[in-house]
Protein backbone atom coordinates (compact mmCIF):
# COMPACT_ATOMS: atom_id res chain seq x y z
CA MET A 1 9.39 11.89 11.61
CA ILE A 2 12.31 11.81 9.20
CA ALA A 3 11.86 9.96 5.90
CA ASP A 4 14.73 9.55 3.49
CA ARG A 5 14.14 10.13 -0.22
CA GLU A 6 14.23 6.42 -1.11
CA SER A 7 11.68 5.44 1.55
CA PHE A 8 9.41 8.31 0.56
CA THR A 9 9.63 7.29 -3.10
CA ASP A 10 8.90 3.64 -2.21
CA LEU A 11 5.85 4.67 -0.21
CA THR A 12 4.63 6.84 -3.08
CA VAL A 13 5.00 4.00 -5.60
CA HIS A 14 3.15 1.51 -3.39
CA LEU A 15 0.41 4.05 -2.66
CA LYS A 16 -0.06 4.64 -6.40
CA ARG A 17 -0.22 0.90 -7.08
CA ALA A 18 -2.73 0.37 -4.27
CA SER A 19 -4.82 3.25 -5.59
CA ASP A 20 -4.75 1.79 -9.11
CA ALA A 21 -5.75 -1.63 -7.76
CA LEU A 22 -8.63 -0.05 -5.86
CA LEU A 23 -9.86 1.66 -9.01
CA ARG A 24 -9.63 -1.56 -11.05
CA THR A 25 -11.46 -3.45 -8.29
CA ALA A 26 -14.26 -0.91 -8.37
CA GLN A 27 -14.48 -1.31 -12.15
CA HIS A 28 -14.68 -5.10 -11.84
CA LEU A 29 -17.35 -4.86 -9.16
CA ALA A 30 -19.35 -2.35 -11.19
CA SER A 31 -19.24 -4.66 -14.19
CA LEU A 32 -20.74 -7.46 -12.07
CA CYS A 33 -23.99 -5.49 -12.14
CA ARG A 34 -24.18 -5.69 -15.93
CA SER A 35 -26.26 -8.55 -17.25
CA ASP A 36 -23.91 -9.22 -20.19
CA ALA A 37 -20.84 -9.76 -18.01
CA ASP A 38 -19.58 -13.19 -16.98
CA PRO A 39 -19.90 -12.98 -13.17
CA HIS A 40 -17.22 -15.60 -12.51
CA GLU A 41 -14.66 -13.80 -14.65
CA ARG A 42 -15.45 -10.40 -13.13
CA ALA A 43 -15.45 -11.74 -9.57
CA ALA A 44 -12.07 -13.39 -10.16
CA GLY A 45 -10.72 -10.13 -11.59
CA ALA A 46 -11.95 -8.18 -8.57
CA LEU A 47 -10.37 -10.71 -6.23
CA ASP A 48 -7.05 -10.46 -8.09
CA GLU A 49 -7.11 -6.68 -7.74
CA LEU A 50 -7.96 -6.88 -4.02
CA ILE A 51 -5.03 -9.25 -3.48
CA GLY A 52 -2.76 -6.85 -5.36
CA MET A 53 -3.97 -3.97 -3.21
CA ALA A 54 -3.34 -5.97 -0.03
CA ILE A 55 0.22 -6.71 -1.18
CA GLU A 56 0.91 -3.01 -1.81
CA LEU A 57 -0.56 -2.02 1.55
CA ALA A 58 1.58 -4.64 3.31
CA ALA A 59 4.67 -3.24 1.57
CA MET A 60 3.77 0.27 2.74
CA GLU A 61 3.29 -1.04 6.27
CA ARG A 62 6.77 -2.61 6.27
CA ILE A 63 8.34 0.63 5.05
CA LEU A 64 6.50 2.69 7.66
CA HIS A 65 7.57 0.30 10.44
CA ALA A 66 11.19 0.55 9.27
CA LEU A 67 10.96 4.35 9.28
CA MET A 68 9.44 4.36 12.76
CA ASP A 69 12.17 2.04 14.06
CA ALA A 70 14.88 4.20 12.49
CA ASN A 71 13.38 7.34 13.99
CA GLN A 72 13.12 5.75 17.43
CA ALA A 73 16.77 4.71 17.25
CA GLU A 74 17.74 8.23 16.19
CA GLU A 75 15.69 9.79 19.00
CA ALA A 76 17.25 7.42 21.55
CA ALA A 77 20.74 8.30 20.32
CA VAL A 78 20.00 12.03 20.59
CA ALA A 79 18.51 11.60 24.05
CA SER A 80 21.47 9.60 25.32
CA SER A 81 23.96 12.18 24.04
CA ARG A 82 22.27 15.03 25.94
CA PRO A 83 23.85 16.01 29.27
């Protein structure tokens, strides 16, 4: 599979953001176990982070689909040019 530099960079950025959101979600969920934490505030924070992670994963999915489509088109062009 061929990935251009821009697509690879985009995937890397979205993967980093999703990873950061996952870490923040885990921190929010861990703080729910503390008795001094406001459960509504922490649950809302965890939900916000999960939504952010879902957005980043959806962006990565779109980029990967575009790369797959581009590679299929390239493979079809190479196959049709062969004798």
